[in-house]
Structure formats: C-alpha cells, structure tokens
C-alpha cells in the first residue's frame, strides 16, 4: 500500500500503472479504518495486477478536491487514468469485487 499526499505522485501512478484502486480515507474515520484492510486484502489476493493506493483526505486536499470526494470512505478504480468505478460511504466488497472482476478480465484478455 502506498500513501499519497502530493498531486504529482497520484498523476505519476495513474500514468505508470494501467489499473489503480484509490482508497480515499480520513484520519479519524472509524469506517475508513475498518474497511481499509479489507479492501487492501481484496486487491492483494484477487487483483494482484492492480496498484493499490491510499489518500488521506486531510493530508491531500488537492487530490480530494480534484476527484470530487466530499465524503469518506471512497473507493475509485482507474483504468488507464480514467475512473470506471466509484463507491462511497456504504461500500459492498462483494459488489466492488464483481465490478472490478469484469473490468480486470476485459482489460487483461
């Protein structure tokens, strides 16, 4: 997992990695802290080709604003720099897995 704070870091990762899952969270967000390890484990175990990154909203306000993240947690899945999946607040890992699986399979075929 990589924790980003600077917009240039985020842009570089999107340019260097075709599949990126960004997890927007907050320091004092109990839901964020509970969900984060589950999302991270999901990516590690089922989607090893996906780059997983985390953005703490209060430490990276420019990135948060650029992607219109108004509540946390938010999960965004990028394919070649474009966001294809956006899940916020009440995130279902099963639904996220199904959506990512479709996209990753299409991309990697």
N, C-alpha and C. Protein backbone atom coordinates (compact mmCIF):
# COMPACT_ATOMS: atom_id res chain seq x y z
N UNK A 1 0.84 -1.17 0.00
CA UNK A 1 0.00 0.00 0.00
C UNK A 1 0.88 1.24 0.00
N UNK A 2 0.46 2.19 -0.74
CA UNK A 2 1.21 3.44 -0.84
C UNK A 2 0.29 4.58 -0.42
N UNK A 3 0.78 5.42 0.49
CA UNK A 3 0.02 6.56 0.98
C UNK A 3 0.47 7.81 0.24
N UNK A 4 -0.46 8.47 -0.45
CA UNK A 4 -0.12 9.63 -1.26
C UNK A 4 -0.59 10.93 -0.61
N UNK A 5 0.20 11.98 -0.81
CA UNK A 5 -0.17 13.30 -0.30
C UNK A 5 -0.04 14.38 -1.37
N UNK A 6 0.77 14.16 -2.37
CA UNK A 6 1.03 15.20 -3.38
C UNK A 6 0.37 14.83 -4.70
N UNK A 7 -0.27 15.79 -5.36
CA UNK A 7 -0.96 15.51 -6.63
C UNK A 7 -0.06 14.92 -7.70
N UNK A 8 1.20 15.32 -7.74
CA UNK A 8 2.12 14.79 -8.75
C UNK A 8 2.34 13.29 -8.56
N UNK A 9 2.36 12.85 -7.30
CA UNK A 9 2.51 11.42 -7.01
C UNK A 9 1.35 10.64 -7.62
N UNK A 10 0.16 11.16 -7.41
CA UNK A 10 -1.04 10.49 -7.90
C UNK A 10 -1.05 10.44 -9.43
N UNK A 11 -0.73 11.55 -10.06
CA UNK A 11 -0.68 11.60 -11.53
C UNK A 11 0.35 10.63 -12.09
N UNK A 12 1.50 10.52 -11.43
CA UNK A 12 2.55 9.61 -11.88
C UNK A 12 2.09 8.16 -11.77
N UNK A 13 1.44 7.81 -10.68
CA UNK A 13 0.96 6.44 -10.51
C UNK A 13 -0.08 6.11 -11.58
N UNK A 14 -1.00 7.04 -11.83
CA UNK A 14 -2.01 6.81 -12.87
C UNK A 14 -1.36 6.65 -14.25
N UNK A 15 -0.28 7.37 -14.49
CA UNK A 15 0.42 7.26 -15.77
C UNK A 15 1.23 5.97 -15.88
N UNK A 16 1.80 5.52 -14.75
CA UNK A 16 2.69 4.36 -14.75
C UNK A 16 1.98 3.01 -14.61
N UNK A 17 0.78 3.00 -14.07
CA UNK A 17 0.06 1.75 -13.80
C UNK A 17 -1.31 1.80 -14.49
N UNK A 18 -1.60 0.82 -15.33
CA UNK A 18 -2.87 0.84 -16.07
C UNK A 18 -4.09 0.61 -15.18
N UNK A 19 -3.94 -0.15 -14.10
CA UNK A 19 -5.05 -0.45 -13.20
C UNK A 19 -4.70 0.04 -11.79
N UNK A 20 -5.49 0.96 -11.26
CA UNK A 20 -5.21 1.56 -9.96
C UNK A 20 -6.50 1.62 -9.14
N UNK A 21 -6.42 1.18 -7.90
CA UNK A 21 -7.52 1.34 -6.96
C UNK A 21 -7.10 2.36 -5.92
N UNK A 22 -7.82 3.46 -5.85
CA UNK A 22 -7.51 4.53 -4.90
C UNK A 22 -8.54 4.49 -3.78
N UNK A 23 -8.03 4.49 -2.54
CA UNK A 23 -8.89 4.46 -1.35
C UNK A 23 -8.74 5.80 -0.64
N UNK A 24 -9.79 6.60 -0.67
CA UNK A 24 -9.80 7.90 0.00
C UNK A 24 -10.34 7.69 1.40
N UNK A 25 -9.58 8.14 2.40
CA UNK A 25 -9.99 7.93 3.79
C UNK A 25 -9.65 9.16 4.62
N UNK A 26 -9.93 9.05 5.91
CA UNK A 26 -9.63 10.13 6.83
C UNK A 26 -8.98 9.60 8.09
N UNK A 27 -8.25 10.46 8.77
CA UNK A 27 -7.53 10.07 9.98
C UNK A 27 -8.46 9.54 11.07
N UNK A 28 -9.54 10.25 11.33
CA UNK A 28 -10.42 9.90 12.44
C UNK A 28 -11.72 9.25 11.99
N UNK A 29 -11.69 8.58 10.88
CA UNK A 29 -12.87 7.92 10.32
C UNK A 29 -12.84 6.44 10.70
N UNK A 30 -13.71 6.04 11.60
CA UNK A 30 -13.69 4.64 12.06
C UNK A 30 -14.11 3.68 10.94
N UNK A 31 -15.05 4.08 10.10
CA UNK A 31 -15.45 3.24 8.97
C UNK A 31 -14.27 3.06 8.03
N UNK A 32 -13.55 4.14 7.77
CA UNK A 32 -12.38 4.07 6.88
C UNK A 32 -11.34 3.09 7.42
N UNK A 33 -11.08 3.20 8.70
CA UNK A 33 -10.05 2.37 9.33
C UNK A 33 -10.47 0.90 9.38
N UNK A 34 -11.76 0.62 9.47
CA UNK A 34 -12.26 -0.75 9.49
C UNK A 34 -12.25 -1.35 8.09
N UNK A 35 -12.64 -0.57 7.11
CA UNK A 35 -12.76 -1.06 5.73
C UNK A 35 -11.43 -1.17 5.01
N UNK A 36 -10.49 -0.29 5.33
CA UNK A 36 -9.20 -0.24 4.62
C UNK A 36 -8.50 -1.59 4.52
N UNK A 37 -8.29 -2.32 5.62
CA UNK A 37 -7.57 -3.60 5.48
C UNK A 37 -8.33 -4.62 4.63
N UNK A 38 -9.65 -4.54 4.64
CA UNK A 38 -10.43 -5.47 3.82
C UNK A 38 -10.27 -5.17 2.33
N UNK A 39 -10.28 -3.90 1.99
CA UNK A 39 -10.09 -3.50 0.59
C UNK A 39 -8.67 -3.84 0.14
N UNK A 40 -7.71 -3.56 1.01
CA UNK A 40 -6.31 -3.85 0.69
C UNK A 40 -6.12 -5.35 0.47
N UNK A 41 -6.70 -6.18 1.32
CA UNK A 41 -6.58 -7.63 1.20
C UNK A 41 -7.27 -8.12 -0.08
N UNK A 42 -8.41 -7.54 -0.40
CA UNK A 42 -9.12 -7.89 -1.63
C UNK A 42 -8.22 -7.68 -2.84
N UNK A 43 -7.58 -6.54 -2.91
CA UNK A 43 -6.72 -6.23 -4.05
C UNK A 43 -5.52 -7.17 -4.07
N UNK A 44 -4.89 -7.38 -2.94
CA UNK A 44 -3.71 -8.25 -2.88
C UNK A 44 -4.03 -9.68 -3.31
N UNK A 45 -5.16 -10.20 -2.83
CA UNK A 45 -5.47 -11.61 -3.08
C UNK A 45 -6.14 -11.87 -4.41
N UNK A 46 -7.03 -10.98 -4.85
CA UNK A 46 -7.81 -11.27 -6.05
C UNK A 46 -7.40 -10.46 -7.28
N UNK A 47 -6.72 -9.36 -7.06
CA UNK A 47 -6.35 -8.48 -8.18
C UNK A 47 -4.89 -8.03 -8.06
N UNK A 48 -3.95 -8.97 -8.18
CA UNK A 48 -2.54 -8.61 -8.00
C UNK A 48 -2.00 -7.64 -9.04
N UNK A 49 -2.67 -7.53 -10.18
CA UNK A 49 -2.20 -6.60 -11.22
C UNK A 49 -2.65 -5.17 -10.97
N UNK A 50 -3.47 -4.97 -9.94
CA UNK A 50 -4.00 -3.64 -9.62
C UNK A 50 -3.10 -2.97 -8.58
N UNK A 51 -2.71 -1.75 -8.85
CA UNK A 51 -1.93 -0.94 -7.90
C UNK A 51 -2.90 -0.33 -6.88
N UNK A 52 -2.65 -0.58 -5.59
CA UNK A 52 -3.50 -0.07 -4.52
C UNK A 52 -2.81 1.12 -3.86
N UNK A 53 -3.55 2.23 -3.75
CA UNK A 53 -3.00 3.41 -3.09
C UNK A 53 -4.05 3.97 -2.12
N UNK A 54 -3.57 4.71 -1.15
CA UNK A 54 -4.47 5.35 -0.20
C UNK A 54 -4.19 6.84 -0.17
N UNK A 55 -5.27 7.61 -0.08
CA UNK A 55 -5.16 9.06 0.02
C UNK A 55 -5.91 9.49 1.27
N UNK A 56 -5.19 10.07 2.22
CA UNK A 56 -5.82 10.64 3.42
C UNK A 56 -6.33 12.02 3.04
N UNK A 57 -7.63 12.21 3.11
CA UNK A 57 -8.26 13.44 2.62
C UNK A 57 -7.68 14.71 3.23
N UNK A 58 -7.44 14.70 4.52
CA UNK A 58 -6.95 15.92 5.17
C UNK A 58 -5.49 16.21 4.84
N UNK A 59 -4.75 15.21 4.39
CA UNK A 59 -3.35 15.42 4.03
C UNK A 59 -3.15 15.69 2.55
N UNK A 60 -4.19 15.45 1.76
CA UNK A 60 -4.11 15.66 0.31
C UNK A 60 -5.38 16.34 -0.19
N UNK A 61 -5.65 17.56 0.27
CA UNK A 61 -6.90 18.21 -0.11
C UNK A 61 -7.02 18.49 -1.61
N UNK A 62 -5.90 18.72 -2.29
CA UNK A 62 -5.96 19.00 -3.72
C UNK A 62 -6.45 17.77 -4.50
N UNK A 63 -5.90 16.61 -4.15
CA UNK A 63 -6.31 15.37 -4.82
C UNK A 63 -7.79 15.09 -4.52
N UNK A 64 -8.16 15.26 -3.26
CA UNK A 64 -9.54 15.02 -2.85
C UNK A 64 -10.50 15.93 -3.61
N UNK A 65 -10.14 17.20 -3.74
CA UNK A 65 -11.00 18.15 -4.46
C UNK A 65 -11.04 17.85 -5.95
N UNK A 66 -9.89 17.51 -6.51
CA UNK A 66 -9.82 17.23 -7.95
C UNK A 66 -10.76 16.11 -8.36
N UNK A 67 -10.91 15.10 -7.49
CA UNK A 67 -11.77 13.96 -7.80
C UNK A 67 -13.13 14.04 -7.11
N UNK A 68 -13.50 15.23 -6.64
CA UNK A 68 -14.82 15.49 -6.05
C UNK A 68 -15.19 14.49 -4.95
N UNK A 69 -14.26 14.27 -4.05
CA UNK A 69 -14.52 13.40 -2.91
C UNK A 69 -15.03 14.28 -1.77
N UNK A 70 -16.32 14.16 -1.50
CA UNK A 70 -16.97 15.00 -0.49
C UNK A 70 -17.28 14.26 0.80
N UNK A 71 -17.26 12.93 0.75
CA UNK A 71 -17.46 12.13 1.95
C UNK A 71 -16.46 10.98 1.89
N UNK A 72 -16.22 10.37 3.01
CA UNK A 72 -15.27 9.26 3.06
C UNK A 72 -15.91 8.09 3.78
N UNK A 73 -15.49 6.88 3.52
CA UNK A 73 -14.50 6.46 2.53
C UNK A 73 -15.06 6.46 1.12
N UNK A 74 -14.14 6.58 0.17
CA UNK A 74 -14.46 6.48 -1.25
C UNK A 74 -13.42 5.57 -1.89
N UNK A 75 -13.90 4.67 -2.72
CA UNK A 75 -13.02 3.80 -3.50
C UNK A 75 -13.22 4.16 -4.96
N UNK A 76 -12.11 4.44 -5.64
CA UNK A 76 -12.16 4.73 -7.07
C UNK A 76 -11.22 3.79 -7.80
N UNK A 77 -11.74 3.18 -8.87
CA UNK A 77 -10.95 2.26 -9.67
C UNK A 77 -10.68 2.92 -11.02
N UNK A 78 -9.40 3.05 -11.35
CA UNK A 78 -8.96 3.71 -12.57
C UNK A 78 -8.40 2.69 -13.56
N UNK A 79 -8.76 2.88 -14.83
CA UNK A 79 -8.20 2.09 -15.91
C UNK A 79 -7.58 3.07 -16.90
N UNK A 80 -6.28 2.95 -17.06
CA UNK A 80 -5.51 3.85 -17.92
C UNK A 80 -5.82 5.32 -17.63
N UNK A 81 -5.88 5.65 -16.35
CA UNK A 81 -6.05 7.03 -15.92
C UNK A 81 -7.47 7.53 -15.83
N UNK A 82 -8.45 6.74 -16.29
CA UNK A 82 -9.86 7.15 -16.23
C UNK A 82 -10.58 6.38 -15.14
N UNK A 83 -11.43 7.07 -14.39
CA UNK A 83 -12.15 6.36 -13.33
C UNK A 83 -13.35 5.62 -13.91
N UNK A 84 -13.45 4.33 -13.54
CA UNK A 84 -14.52 3.48 -14.03
C UNK A 84 -15.47 3.06 -12.92
N UNK A 85 -14.98 3.00 -11.71
CA UNK A 85 -15.82 2.61 -10.58
C UNK A 85 -15.61 3.64 -9.48
N UNK A 86 -16.73 4.03 -8.87
CA UNK A 86 -16.67 4.94 -7.73
C UNK A 86 -17.70 4.46 -6.72
N UNK A 87 -17.23 4.06 -5.56
CA UNK A 87 -18.09 3.61 -4.47
C UNK A 87 -17.82 4.50 -3.26
N UNK A 88 -18.89 4.94 -2.62
CA UNK A 88 -18.72 5.85 -1.48
C UNK A 88 -19.55 5.39 -0.29
N UNK A 89 -19.04 5.72 0.88
CA UNK A 89 -19.69 5.50 2.18
C UNK A 89 -20.05 4.05 2.45
N UNK A 90 -21.19 3.59 2.01
CA UNK A 90 -21.62 2.20 2.26
C UNK A 90 -21.12 1.32 1.13
N UNK A 91 -19.91 0.84 1.28
CA UNK A 91 -19.25 0.10 0.20
C UNK A 91 -19.43 -1.40 0.42
N UNK A 92 -19.99 -2.05 -0.58
CA UNK A 92 -20.15 -3.51 -0.56
C UNK A 92 -18.93 -4.13 -1.23
N UNK A 93 -18.18 -4.90 -0.47
CA UNK A 93 -17.00 -5.54 -1.05
C UNK A 93 -17.38 -6.55 -2.13
N UNK A 94 -18.52 -7.22 -1.95
CA UNK A 94 -18.97 -8.17 -2.97
C UNK A 94 -19.26 -7.46 -4.29
N UNK A 95 -19.97 -6.34 -4.23
CA UNK A 95 -20.28 -5.59 -5.44
C UNK A 95 -19.02 -5.01 -6.06
N UNK A 96 -18.13 -4.49 -5.22
CA UNK A 96 -16.87 -3.96 -5.73
C UNK A 96 -16.07 -5.05 -6.43
N UNK A 97 -16.03 -6.23 -5.84
CA UNK A 97 -15.31 -7.36 -6.43
C UNK A 97 -15.88 -7.73 -7.79
N UNK A 98 -17.21 -7.81 -7.89
CA UNK A 98 -17.85 -8.16 -9.16
C UNK A 98 -17.54 -7.13 -10.24
N UNK A 99 -17.64 -5.86 -9.89
CA UNK A 99 -17.38 -4.80 -10.87
C UNK A 99 -15.92 -4.81 -11.32
N UNK A 100 -15.02 -4.94 -10.35
CA UNK A 100 -13.59 -4.96 -10.69
C UNK A 100 -13.25 -6.19 -11.52
N UNK A 101 -13.82 -7.32 -11.16
CA UNK A 101 -13.54 -8.56 -11.86
C UNK A 101 -13.88 -8.44 -13.35
N UNK A 102 -15.04 -7.86 -13.65
CA UNK A 102 -15.44 -7.68 -15.05
C UNK A 102 -14.43 -6.82 -15.81
N UNK A 103 -14.05 -5.71 -15.20
CA UNK A 103 -13.15 -4.78 -15.87
C UNK A 103 -11.74 -5.37 -16.02
N UNK A 104 -11.23 -5.97 -14.95
CA UNK A 104 -9.88 -6.55 -15.00
C UNK A 104 -9.82 -7.67 -16.02
N UNK A 105 -10.84 -8.52 -16.06
CA UNK A 105 -10.85 -9.62 -17.04
C UNK A 105 -10.89 -9.08 -18.47
N UNK A 106 -11.68 -8.06 -18.72
CA UNK A 106 -11.73 -7.47 -20.05
C UNK A 106 -10.39 -6.81 -20.41
N UNK A 107 -9.80 -6.15 -19.45
CA UNK A 107 -8.56 -5.43 -19.70
C UNK A 107 -7.41 -6.40 -19.97
N UNK A 108 -7.35 -7.48 -19.20
CA UNK A 108 -6.21 -8.39 -19.29
C UNK A 108 -6.35 -9.42 -20.41
N UNK A 109 -7.53 -9.55 -21.00
CA UNK A 109 -7.71 -10.50 -22.11
C UNK A 109 -7.14 -10.01 -23.40
